[in-house]
């Protein structure tokens, strides 16, 4: 049931955002929203089905330390 609600939520977000971007011919923004929705859906689905997802803050901290030593 939770997975179904998750699918409905992300589908709703896509159905609201995508037609506006297509109508305005904003292809770059459309690509970005699909990437972000895919990442968000994947992480949410993994958490919903009980898979332990690593903390993203550790990855962000690692990248920041690489950029600014």
N, C-alpha and C. Protein backbone atom coordinates (compact mmCIF):
# COMPACT_ATOMS: atom_id res chain seq x y z
N UNK A 1 0.82 -1.20 0.00
CA UNK A 1 0.00 0.00 0.00
C UNK A 1 0.87 1.27 0.00
N UNK A 2 1.95 1.23 0.80
CA UNK A 2 2.84 2.40 0.86
C UNK A 2 3.50 2.67 -0.48
N UNK A 3 3.87 1.60 -1.18
CA UNK A 3 4.52 1.75 -2.49
C UNK A 3 3.54 2.38 -3.48
N UNK A 4 2.27 1.98 -3.41
CA UNK A 4 1.25 2.54 -4.30
C UNK A 4 1.07 4.03 -4.05
N UNK A 5 1.04 4.43 -2.78
CA UNK A 5 0.91 5.85 -2.43
C UNK A 5 2.13 6.63 -2.92
N UNK A 6 3.31 6.03 -2.79
CA UNK A 6 4.54 6.66 -3.26
C UNK A 6 4.50 6.88 -4.77
N UNK A 7 4.05 5.87 -5.50
CA UNK A 7 3.94 5.99 -6.96
C UNK A 7 2.94 7.08 -7.33
N UNK A 8 1.81 7.11 -6.64
CA UNK A 8 0.80 8.15 -6.92
C UNK A 8 1.35 9.55 -6.64
N UNK A 9 2.10 9.69 -5.56
CA UNK A 9 2.66 11.00 -5.21
C UNK A 9 3.63 11.50 -6.27
N UNK A 10 4.57 10.65 -6.65
CA UNK A 10 5.55 11.07 -7.64
C UNK A 10 4.92 11.26 -9.02
N UNK A 11 3.91 10.46 -9.34
CA UNK A 11 3.19 10.65 -10.60
C UNK A 11 2.46 11.98 -10.60
N UNK A 12 1.86 12.33 -9.47
CA UNK A 12 1.17 13.61 -9.36
C UNK A 12 2.11 14.78 -9.55
N UNK A 13 3.27 14.70 -8.95
CA UNK A 13 4.27 15.76 -9.11
C UNK A 13 4.66 15.89 -10.58
N UNK A 14 4.90 14.75 -11.24
CA UNK A 14 5.29 14.77 -12.65
C UNK A 14 4.17 15.33 -13.52
N UNK A 15 2.92 14.93 -13.27
CA UNK A 15 1.80 15.40 -14.08
C UNK A 15 1.55 16.89 -13.91
N UNK A 16 1.95 17.45 -12.78
CA UNK A 16 1.80 18.89 -12.57
C UNK A 16 2.94 19.67 -13.24
N UNK A 17 4.16 19.19 -13.08
CA UNK A 17 5.33 19.95 -13.53
C UNK A 17 5.65 19.77 -15.01
N UNK A 18 5.56 18.55 -15.51
CA UNK A 18 6.04 18.24 -16.86
C UNK A 18 5.27 19.00 -17.96
N UNK A 19 3.94 19.01 -17.97
CA UNK A 19 3.26 19.72 -19.06
C UNK A 19 3.61 21.20 -19.15
N UNK A 20 3.82 21.83 -18.00
CA UNK A 20 4.20 23.25 -18.00
C UNK A 20 5.56 23.44 -18.66
N UNK A 21 6.50 22.57 -18.33
CA UNK A 21 7.84 22.69 -18.91
C UNK A 21 7.84 22.37 -20.40
N UNK A 22 7.04 21.41 -20.81
CA UNK A 22 6.96 21.08 -22.24
C UNK A 22 6.33 22.24 -23.00
N UNK A 23 5.27 22.81 -22.43
CA UNK A 23 4.60 23.93 -23.10
C UNK A 23 5.53 25.12 -23.28
N UNK A 24 6.38 25.37 -22.28
CA UNK A 24 7.33 26.49 -22.36
C UNK A 24 8.62 26.11 -23.08
N UNK A 25 8.72 24.85 -23.53
CA UNK A 25 9.91 24.33 -24.22
C UNK A 25 11.19 24.51 -23.40
N UNK A 26 11.10 24.22 -22.13
CA UNK A 26 12.25 24.30 -21.23
C UNK A 26 12.84 22.91 -21.07
N UNK A 27 13.60 22.49 -22.08
CA UNK A 27 14.10 21.12 -22.13
C UNK A 27 15.15 20.86 -21.06
N UNK A 28 15.99 21.83 -20.76
CA UNK A 28 17.01 21.64 -19.72
C UNK A 28 16.37 21.43 -18.36
N UNK A 29 15.37 22.25 -18.05
CA UNK A 29 14.68 22.12 -16.78
C UNK A 29 13.91 20.80 -16.70
N UNK A 30 13.37 20.37 -17.84
CA UNK A 30 12.65 19.11 -17.89
C UNK A 30 13.60 17.94 -17.60
N UNK A 31 14.79 18.00 -18.15
CA UNK A 31 15.79 16.97 -17.89
C UNK A 31 16.16 16.93 -16.41
N UNK A 32 16.37 18.11 -15.84
CA UNK A 32 16.74 18.18 -14.42
C UNK A 32 15.63 17.65 -13.53
N UNK A 33 14.38 18.00 -13.82
CA UNK A 33 13.29 17.53 -12.98
C UNK A 33 13.14 16.02 -13.08
N UNK A 34 13.36 15.44 -14.27
CA UNK A 34 13.30 13.99 -14.39
C UNK A 34 14.41 13.31 -13.60
N UNK A 35 15.61 13.88 -13.63
CA UNK A 35 16.72 13.32 -12.88
C UNK A 35 16.44 13.39 -11.38
N UNK A 36 16.00 14.55 -10.90
CA UNK A 36 15.71 14.70 -9.48
C UNK A 36 14.55 13.83 -9.03
N UNK A 37 13.51 13.72 -9.86
CA UNK A 37 12.39 12.84 -9.52
C UNK A 37 12.84 11.38 -9.48
N UNK A 38 13.69 10.98 -10.41
CA UNK A 38 14.17 9.60 -10.43
C UNK A 38 15.00 9.28 -9.19
N UNK A 39 15.88 10.20 -8.81
CA UNK A 39 16.69 10.00 -7.61
C UNK A 39 15.79 9.96 -6.38
N UNK A 40 14.89 10.92 -6.27
CA UNK A 40 13.98 10.98 -5.13
C UNK A 40 13.09 9.76 -5.04
N UNK A 41 12.56 9.31 -6.18
CA UNK A 41 11.69 8.14 -6.18
C UNK A 41 12.47 6.89 -5.78
N UNK A 42 13.67 6.74 -6.32
CA UNK A 42 14.48 5.57 -6.00
C UNK A 42 14.81 5.51 -4.52
N UNK A 43 15.26 6.62 -3.96
CA UNK A 43 15.59 6.64 -2.53
C UNK A 43 14.36 6.41 -1.67
N UNK A 44 13.24 7.02 -2.04
CA UNK A 44 12.00 6.84 -1.28
C UNK A 44 11.50 5.40 -1.36
N UNK A 45 11.60 4.81 -2.54
CA UNK A 45 11.17 3.42 -2.70
C UNK A 45 12.02 2.48 -1.87
N UNK A 46 13.33 2.70 -1.90
CA UNK A 46 14.22 1.85 -1.10
C UNK A 46 13.89 1.95 0.39
N UNK A 47 13.66 3.15 0.87
CA UNK A 47 13.31 3.32 2.28
C UNK A 47 11.95 2.69 2.59
N UNK A 48 11.02 2.80 1.66
CA UNK A 48 9.68 2.26 1.88
C UNK A 48 9.69 0.74 1.98
N UNK A 49 10.52 0.08 1.18
CA UNK A 49 10.55 -1.38 1.21
C UNK A 49 11.52 -1.92 2.25
N UNK A 50 12.17 -1.03 3.00
CA UNK A 50 12.98 -1.46 4.14
C UNK A 50 14.47 -1.59 3.90
N UNK A 51 14.96 -1.10 2.78
CA UNK A 51 16.41 -1.15 2.50
C UNK A 51 17.08 0.00 3.23
N UNK A 52 18.19 -0.31 3.91
CA UNK A 52 18.91 0.74 4.63
C UNK A 52 19.68 1.58 3.62
N UNK A 53 19.34 2.86 3.55
CA UNK A 53 19.96 3.79 2.60
C UNK A 53 21.04 4.56 3.35
N UNK A 54 22.25 4.67 2.77
CA UNK A 54 23.31 5.42 3.45
C UNK A 54 22.96 6.90 3.59
N UNK A 55 23.55 7.51 4.61
CA UNK A 55 23.32 8.91 4.89
C UNK A 55 23.96 9.78 3.81
N UNK A 56 23.19 10.60 3.09
CA UNK A 56 23.76 11.42 2.02
C UNK A 56 24.68 12.53 2.54
N UNK A 57 24.55 12.89 3.81
CA UNK A 57 25.42 13.94 4.36
C UNK A 57 26.89 13.54 4.32
N UNK A 58 27.18 12.27 4.51
CA UNK A 58 28.57 11.81 4.46
C UNK A 58 29.15 12.00 3.06
N UNK A 59 28.37 11.72 2.05
CA UNK A 59 28.83 11.91 0.68
C UNK A 59 29.04 13.38 0.35
N UNK A 60 28.14 14.23 0.84
CA UNK A 60 28.27 15.67 0.61
C UNK A 60 29.50 16.21 1.32
N UNK A 61 29.72 15.78 2.56
CA UNK A 61 30.90 16.22 3.31
C UNK A 61 32.18 15.79 2.60
N UNK A 62 32.20 14.57 2.06
CA UNK A 62 33.36 14.09 1.33
C UNK A 62 33.65 14.97 0.12
N UNK A 63 32.60 15.29 -0.64
CA UNK A 63 32.78 16.14 -1.83
C UNK A 63 33.28 17.53 -1.47
N UNK A 64 32.73 18.09 -0.40
CA UNK A 64 33.16 19.43 0.04
C UNK A 64 34.63 19.41 0.44
N UNK A 65 35.03 18.37 1.16
CA UNK A 65 36.44 18.27 1.59
C UNK A 65 37.37 18.11 0.40
N UNK A 66 36.90 17.45 -0.68
CA UNK A 66 37.71 17.30 -1.87
C UNK A 66 37.87 18.63 -2.62
N UNK A 67 36.83 19.43 -2.58
CA UNK A 67 36.85 20.73 -3.28
C UNK A 67 37.65 21.75 -2.50
N UNK A 68 37.42 21.81 -1.19
CA UNK A 68 38.10 22.78 -0.31
C UNK A 68 38.87 22.03 0.77
N UNK A 69 40.13 21.67 0.46
CA UNK A 69 40.92 20.92 1.46
C UNK A 69 41.33 21.73 2.66
